């Protein structure tokens, strides 16, 4: 395989990957996330208690979207 063929193949794969990423983003945007795993997390024990933070990591079991929300 020549270098040009490798570049062309890479470009083709890259275009398909971008298209699939857009499709997945659309799918996740339409999902209502009815079945979600929640993981409660924190960063506490800091010298300055006002620097402590709390958040929840979410994972939708249907569309596999991951996101974080501060508490």
PDB file of N, CA and C in Angstrom:
ATOM      1  N   UNK A   1       0.858  -1.170   0.000  1.00  0.00           N
ATOM      2  CA  UNK A   1       0.000   0.000   0.000  1.00  0.00           C
ATOM      3  C   UNK A   1       0.906   1.236   0.000  1.00  0.00           C
ATOM      4  N   UNK A   2       0.602   2.170  -0.881  1.00  0.00           N
ATOM      5  CA  UNK A   2       1.411   3.388  -0.961  1.00  0.00           C
ATOM      6  C   UNK A   2       0.977   4.383   0.107  1.00  0.00           C
ATOM      7  N   UNK A   3       1.808   5.388   0.320  1.00  0.00           N
ATOM      8  CA  UNK A   3       1.485   6.429   1.297  1.00  0.00           C
ATOM      9  C   UNK A   3       0.220   7.178   0.900  1.00  0.00           C
ATOM     10  N   UNK A   4       0.037   7.415  -0.373  1.00  0.00           N
ATOM     11  CA  UNK A   4      -1.171   8.104  -0.840  1.00  0.00           C
ATOM     12  C   UNK A   4      -2.409   7.267  -0.564  1.00  0.00           C
ATOM     13  N   UNK A   5      -2.326   5.958  -0.774  1.00  0.00           N
ATOM     14  CA  UNK A   5      -3.456   5.067  -0.486  1.00  0.00           C
ATOM     15  C   UNK A   5      -3.774   5.054   1.012  1.00  0.00           C
ATOM     16  N   UNK A   6      -2.735   5.067   1.815  1.00  0.00           N
ATOM     17  CA  UNK A   6      -2.932   5.095   3.263  1.00  0.00           C
ATOM     18  C   UNK A   6      -3.632   6.384   3.666  1.00  0.00           C
ATOM     19  N   UNK A   7      -3.169   7.534   3.140  1.00  0.00           N
ATOM     20  CA  UNK A   7      -3.808   8.817   3.451  1.00  0.00           C
ATOM     21  C   UNK A   7      -5.258   8.838   3.001  1.00  0.00           C
ATOM     22  N   UNK A   8      -5.518   8.327   1.800  1.00  0.00           N
ATOM     23  CA  UNK A   8      -6.891   8.300   1.279  1.00  0.00           C
ATOM     24  C   UNK A   8      -7.786   7.416   2.138  1.00  0.00           C
ATOM     25  N   UNK A   9      -7.271   6.259   2.543  1.00  0.00           N
ATOM     26  CA  UNK A   9      -8.035   5.353   3.396  1.00  0.00           C
ATOM     27  C   UNK A   9      -8.319   6.024   4.742  1.00  0.00           C
ATOM     28  N   UNK A  10      -7.311   6.676   5.316  1.00  0.00           N
ATOM     29  CA  UNK A  10      -7.482   7.388   6.583  1.00  0.00           C
ATOM     30  C   UNK A  10      -8.554   8.464   6.454  1.00  0.00           C
ATOM     31  N   UNK A  11      -8.497   9.237   5.381  1.00  0.00           N
ATOM     32  CA  UNK A  11      -9.488  10.289   5.155  1.00  0.00           C
ATOM     33  C   UNK A  11     -10.896   9.710   5.058  1.00  0.00           C
ATOM     34  N   UNK A  12     -11.034   8.590   4.382  1.00  0.00           N
ATOM     35  CA  UNK A  12     -12.335   7.940   4.232  1.00  0.00           C
ATOM     36  C   UNK A  12     -12.869   7.497   5.602  1.00  0.00           C
ATOM     37  N   UNK A  13     -12.019   6.873   6.382  1.00  0.00           N
ATOM     38  CA  UNK A  13     -12.419   6.421   7.719  1.00  0.00           C
ATOM     39  C   UNK A  13     -12.773   7.617   8.586  1.00  0.00           C
ATOM     40  N   UNK A  14     -11.995   8.677   8.499  1.00  0.00           N
ATOM     41  CA  UNK A  14     -12.230   9.880   9.295  1.00  0.00           C
ATOM     42  C   UNK A  14     -13.586  10.502   8.960  1.00  0.00           C
ATOM     43  N   UNK A  15     -13.945  10.566   7.690  1.00  0.00           N
ATOM     44  CA  UNK A  15     -15.247  11.113   7.288  1.00  0.00           C
ATOM     45  C   UNK A  15     -16.391  10.256   7.826  1.00  0.00           C
ATOM     46  N   UNK A  16     -16.259   8.942   7.754  1.00  0.00           N
ATOM     47  CA  UNK A  16     -17.303   8.056   8.283  1.00  0.00           C
ATOM     48  C   UNK A  16     -17.420   8.195   9.798  1.00  0.00           C
ATOM     49  N   UNK A  17     -16.273   8.338  10.464  1.00  0.00           N
ATOM     50  CA  UNK A  17     -16.272   8.499  11.916  1.00  0.00           C
ATOM     51  C   UNK A  17     -16.993   9.790  12.320  1.00  0.00           C
ATOM     52  N   UNK A  18     -16.755  10.873  11.596  1.00  0.00           N
ATOM     53  CA  UNK A  18     -17.431  12.141  11.883  1.00  0.00           C
ATOM     54  C   UNK A  18     -18.934  12.015  11.679  1.00  0.00           C
ATOM     55  N   UNK A  19     -19.327  11.325  10.624  1.00  0.00           N
ATOM     56  CA  UNK A  19     -20.755  11.126  10.343  1.00  0.00           C
ATOM     57  C   UNK A  19     -21.412  10.317  11.465  1.00  0.00           C
ATOM     58  N   UNK A  20     -20.763   9.262  11.906  1.00  0.00           N
ATOM     59  CA  UNK A  20     -21.303   8.440  12.985  1.00  0.00           C
ATOM     60  C   UNK A  20     -21.377   9.220  14.297  1.00  0.00           C
ATOM     61  N   UNK A  21     -20.384  10.053  14.569  1.00  0.00           N
ATOM     62  CA  UNK A  21     -20.395  10.863  15.793  1.00  0.00           C
ATOM     63  C   UNK A  21     -21.585  11.814  15.786  1.00  0.00           C
ATOM     64  N   UNK A  22     -21.898  12.386  14.630  1.00  0.00           N
ATOM     65  CA  UNK A  22     -23.052  13.274  14.522  1.00  0.00           C
ATOM     66  C   UNK A  22     -24.353  12.506  14.740  1.00  0.00           C
ATOM     67  N   UNK A  23     -24.439  11.301  14.184  1.00  0.00           N
ATOM     68  CA  UNK A  23     -25.629  10.468  14.374  1.00  0.00           C
ATOM     69  C   UNK A  23     -25.809  10.106  15.849  1.00  0.00           C
ATOM     70  N   UNK A  24     -24.723   9.756  16.520  1.00  0.00           N
ATOM     71  CA  UNK A  24     -24.801   9.418  17.944  1.00  0.00           C
ATOM     72  C   UNK A  24     -25.226  10.631  18.769  1.00  0.00           C
ATOM     73  N   UNK A  25     -24.702  11.804  18.448  1.00  0.00           N
ATOM     74  CA  UNK A  25     -25.078  13.017  19.172  1.00  0.00           C
ATOM     75  C   UNK A  25     -26.567  13.309  19.001  1.00  0.00           C
ATOM     76  N   UNK A  26     -27.098  13.114  17.794  1.00  0.00           N
ATOM     77  CA  UNK A  26     -28.539  13.314  17.551  1.00  0.00           C
ATOM     78  C   UNK A  26     -29.356  12.324  18.375  1.00  0.00           C
ATOM     79  N   UNK A  27     -28.930  11.084  18.390  1.00  0.00           N
ATOM     80  CA  UNK A  27     -29.624  10.043  19.141  1.00  0.00           C
ATOM     81  C   UNK A  27     -29.634  10.377  20.632  1.00  0.00           C
ATOM     82  N   UNK A  28     -28.496  10.788  21.160  1.00  0.00           N
ATOM     83  CA  UNK A  28     -28.414  11.136  22.582  1.00  0.00           C
ATOM     84  C   UNK A  28     -29.247  12.372  22.900  1.00  0.00           C
ATOM     85  N   UNK A  29     -29.365  13.280  21.953  1.00  0.00           N
ATOM     86  CA  UNK A  29     -30.165  14.491  22.177  1.00  0.00           C
ATOM     87  C   UNK A  29     -31.658  14.175  22.247  1.00  0.00           C
ATOM     88  N   UNK A  30     -32.101  13.117  21.562  1.00  0.00           N
ATOM     89  CA  UNK A  30     -33.519  12.763  21.571  1.00  0.00           C
ATOM     90  C   UNK A  30     -33.892  11.833  22.723  1.00  0.00           C
ATOM     91  N   UNK A  31     -32.883  11.207  23.343  1.00  0.00           N
ATOM     92  CA  UNK A  31     -33.137  10.275  24.442  1.00  0.00           C
ATOM     93  C   UNK A  31     -33.592  11.047  25.682  1.00  0.00           C
ATOM     94  N   UNK A  32     -34.565  10.510  26.389  1.00  0.00           N
ATOM     95  CA  UNK A  32     -35.051  11.139  27.625  1.00  0.00           C
ATOM     96  C   UNK A  32     -34.315  10.607  28.858  1.00  0.00           C
ATOM     97  N   UNK A  33     -33.382   9.696  28.669  1.00  0.00           N
ATOM     98  CA  UNK A  33     -32.544   9.119  29.721  1.00  0.00           C
ATOM     99  C   UNK A  33     -33.374   8.558  30.882  1.00  0.00           C
ATOM    100  N   UNK A  34     -34.292   7.625  30.594  1.00  0.00           N
ATOM    101  CA  UNK A  34     -35.138   7.083  31.662  1.00  0.00           C
ATOM    102  C   UNK A  34     -34.402   6.106  32.592  1.00  0.00           C
ATOM    103  N   UNK A  35     -33.330   5.505  32.107  1.00  0.00           N
ATOM    104  CA  UNK A  35     -32.605   4.504  32.894  1.00  0.00           C
ATOM    105  C   UNK A  35     -31.169   4.983  33.067  1.00  0.00           C
ATOM    106  N   UNK A  36     -30.907   5.656  34.187  1.00  0.00           N
ATOM    107  CA  UNK A  36     -29.623   6.317  34.399  1.00  0.00           C
ATOM    108  C   UNK A  36     -28.941   5.791  35.649  1.00  0.00           C
ATOM    109  N   UNK A  37     -27.641   5.561  35.535  1.00  0.00           N
ATOM    110  CA  UNK A  37     -26.830   5.253  36.711  1.00  0.00           C
ATOM    111  C   UNK A  37     -26.288   6.569  37.233  1.00  0.00           C
ATOM    112  N   UNK A  38     -26.374   6.765  38.553  1.00  0.00           N
ATOM    113  CA  UNK A  38     -25.865   7.982  39.178  1.00  0.00           C
ATOM    114  C   UNK A  38     -24.749   7.605  40.147  1.00  0.00           C
ATOM    115  N   UNK A  39     -23.654   8.345  40.061  1.00  0.00           N
ATOM    116  CA  UNK A  39     -22.548   8.158  40.991  1.00  0.00           C
ATOM    117  C   UNK A  39     -22.285   9.497  41.667  1.00  0.00           C
ATOM    118  N   UNK A  40     -22.507   9.529  42.973  1.00  0.00           N
ATOM    119  CA  UNK A  40     -22.306  10.756  43.740  1.00  0.00           C
ATOM    120  C   UNK A  40     -20.833  10.869  44.119  1.00  0.00           C
ATOM    121  N   UNK A  41     -20.253  12.030  43.835  1.00  0.00           N
ATOM    122  CA  UNK A  41     -18.822  12.222  44.079  1.00  0.00           C
ATOM    123  C   UNK A  41     -18.575  13.535  44.816  1.00  0.00           C
ATOM    124  N   UNK A  42     -17.387  13.622  45.408  1.00  0.00           N
ATOM    125  CA  UNK A  42     -17.034  14.854  46.114  1.00  0.00           C
ATOM    126  C   UNK A  42     -15.526  15.007  46.183  1.00  0.00           C
ATOM    127  N   UNK A  43     -15.118  16.232  46.432  1.00  0.00           N
ATOM    128  CA  UNK A  43     -13.732  16.571  46.695  1.00  0.00           C
ATOM    129  C   UNK A  43     -13.769  17.404  47.969  1.00  0.00           C
ATOM    130  N   UNK A  44     -13.578  16.750  49.095  1.00  0.00           N
ATOM    131  CA  UNK A  44     -13.701  17.437  50.382  1.00  0.00           C
ATOM    132  C   UNK A  44     -12.406  17.299  51.175  1.00  0.00           C
ATOM    133  N   UNK A  45     -12.380  17.961  52.319  1.00  0.00           N
ATOM    134  CA  UNK A  45     -11.207  17.879  53.179  1.00  0.00           C
ATOM    135  C   UNK A  45     -10.134  18.878  52.798  1.00  0.00           C
ATOM    136  N   UNK A  46     -10.496  19.862  51.979  1.00  0.00           N
ATOM    137  CA  UNK A  46      -9.532  20.887  51.606  1.00  0.00           C
ATOM    138  C   UNK A  46      -9.243  21.795  52.795  1.00  0.00           C
ATOM    139  N   UNK A  47      -8.102  22.448  52.779  1.00  0.00           N
ATOM    140  CA  UNK A  47      -7.739  23.397  53.834  1.00  0.00           C
ATOM    141  C   UNK A  47      -8.806  24.475  53.949  1.00  0.00           C
ATOM    142  N   UNK A  48      -9.290  24.914  52.812  1.00  0.00           N
ATOM    143  CA  UNK A  48     -10.358  25.924  52.764  1.00  0.00           C
ATOM    144  C   UNK A  48     -11.668  25.194  52.452  1.00  0.00           C
ATOM    145  N   UNK A  49     -12.578  25.059  53.417  1.00  0.00           N
ATOM    146  CA  UNK A  49     -13.824  24.318  53.189  1.00  0.00           C
ATOM    147  C   UNK A  49     -14.679  24.887  52.052  1.00  0.00           C
ATOM    148  N   UNK A  50     -14.485  26.151  51.711  1.00  0.00           N
ATOM    149  CA  UNK A  50     -15.269  26.706  50.596  1.00  0.00           C
ATOM    150  C   UNK A  50     -14.801  26.139  49.256  1.00  0.00           C
ATOM    151  N   UNK A  51     -13.651  25.463  49.240  1.00  0.00           N
ATOM    152  CA  UNK A  51     -13.150  24.850  48.009  1.00  0.00           C
ATOM    153  C   UNK A  51     -13.694  23.434  47.812  1.00  0.00           C
ATOM    154  N   UNK A  52     -14.402  22.909  48.818  1.00  0.00           N
ATOM    155  CA  UNK A  52     -15.015  21.582  48.668  1.00  0.00           C
ATOM    156  C   UNK A  52     -16.025  21.611  47.531  1.00  0.00           C
ATOM    157  N   UNK A  53     -16.138  20.485  46.826  1.00  0.00           N
ATOM    158  CA  UNK A  53     -17.109  20.423  45.728  1.00  0.00           C
ATOM    159  C   UNK A  53     -17.823  19.076  45.723  1.00  0.00           C
ATOM    160  N   UNK A  54     -19.031  19.091  45.192  1.00  0.00           N
ATOM    161  CA  UNK A  54     -19.881  17.904  45.113  1.00  0.00           C
ATOM    162  C   UNK A  54     -20.496  17.851  43.730  1.00  0.00           C
ATOM    163  N   UNK A  55     -20.590  16.649  43.164  1.00  0.00           N
ATOM    164  CA  UNK A  55     -21.194  16.507  41.848  1.00  0.00           C
ATOM    165  C   UNK A  55     -21.745  15.099  41.681  1.00  0.00           C
ATOM    166  N   UNK A  56     -22.526  14.916  40.610  1.00  0.00           N
ATOM    167  CA  UNK A  56     -23.069  13.597  40.263  1.00  0.00           C
ATOM    168  C   UNK A  56     -22.632  13.279  38.842  1.00  0.00           C
ATOM    169  N   UNK A  57     -22.063  12.086  38.656  1.00  0.00           N
ATOM    170  CA  UNK A  57     -21.755  11.578  37.318  1.00  0.00           C
ATOM    171  C   UNK A  57     -22.933  10.736  36.871  1.00  0.00           C
ATOM    172  N   UNK A  58     -23.468  11.027  35.697  1.00  0.00           N
ATOM    173  CA  UNK A  58     -24.603  10.298  35.136  1.00  0.00           C
ATOM    174  C   UNK A  58     -24.149   9.454  33.951  1.00  0.00           C
ATOM    175  N   UNK A  59     -24.801   8.293  33.779  1.00  0.00           N
ATOM    176  CA  UNK A  59     -24.557   7.428  32.627  1.00  0.00           C
ATOM    177  C   UNK A  59     -25.891   6.824  32.214  1.00  0.00           C
ATOM    178  N   UNK A  60     -26.330   7.155  30.992  1.00  0.00           N
ATOM    179  CA  UNK A  60     -27.588   6.612  30.475  1.00  0.00           C
ATOM    180  C   UNK A  60     -27.329   5.224  29.896  1.00  0.00           C
ATOM    181  N   UNK A  61     -28.051   4.243  30.404  1.00  0.00           N
ATOM    182  CA  UNK A  61     -27.869   2.864  29.948  1.00  0.00           C
ATOM    183  C   UNK A  61     -28.440   2.621  28.560  1.00  0.00           C
ATOM    184  N   UNK A  62     -29.319   3.517  28.090  1.00  0.00           N
ATOM    185  CA  UNK A  62     -29.926   3.352  26.769  1.00  0.00           C
ATOM    186  C   UNK A  62     -29.054   3.942  25.658  1.00  0.00           C
ATOM    187  N   UNK A  63     -28.679   5.211  25.794  1.00  0.00           N
ATOM    188  CA  UNK A  63     -27.932   5.875  24.720  1.00  0.00           C
ATOM    189  C   UNK A  63     -26.449   6.028  25.032  1.00  0.00           C
ATOM    190  N   UNK A  64     -26.028   5.612  26.224  1.00  0.00           N
ATOM    191  CA  UNK A  64     -24.632   5.616  26.659  1.00  0.00           C
ATOM    192  C   UNK A  64     -24.018   7.005  26.812  1.00  0.00           C
ATOM    193  N   UNK A  65     -24.871   7.990  26.998  1.00  0.00           N
ATOM    194  CA  UNK A  65     -24.372   9.345  27.213  1.00  0.00           C
ATOM    195  C   UNK A  65     -23.846   9.464  28.638  1.00  0.00           C
ATOM    196  N   UNK A  66     -22.736  10.170  28.793  1.00  0.00           N
ATOM    197  CA  UNK A  66     -22.158  10.458  30.103  1.00  0.00           C
ATOM    198  C   UNK A  66     -22.151  11.964  30.295  1.00  0.00           C
ATOM    199  N   UNK A  67     -22.521  12.408  31.509  1.00  0.00           N
ATOM    200  CA  UNK A  67     -22.441  13.835  31.829  1.00  0.00           C
ATOM    201  C   UNK A  67     -22.322  14.003  33.323  1.00  0.00           C
ATOM    202  N   UNK A  68     -21.958  15.225  33.707  1.00  0.00           N
ATOM    203  CA  UNK A  68     -21.713  15.554  35.125  1.00  0.00           C
ATOM    204  C   UNK A  68     -22.517  16.795  35.471  1.00  0.00           C
ATOM    205  N   UNK A  69     -23.087  16.779  36.673  1.00  0.00           N
ATOM    206  CA  UNK A  69     -23.809  17.952  37.166  1.00  0.00           C
ATOM    207  C   UNK A  69     -23.276  18.305  38.551  1.00  0.00           C
ATOM    208  N   UNK A  70     -22.962  19.569  38.729  1.00  0.00           N
ATOM    209  CA  UNK A  70     -22.506  20.069  40.033  1.00  0.00           C
ATOM    210  C   UNK A  70     -23.670  20.083  41.012  1.00  0.00           C
ATOM    211  N   UNK A  71     -23.343  19.943  42.277  1.00  0.00           N
ATOM    212  CA  UNK A  71     -24.349  19.983  43.345  1.00  0.00           C
ATOM    213  C   UNK A  71     -24.076  21.141  44.255  1.00  0.00           C
TER     214      UNK A  71
END
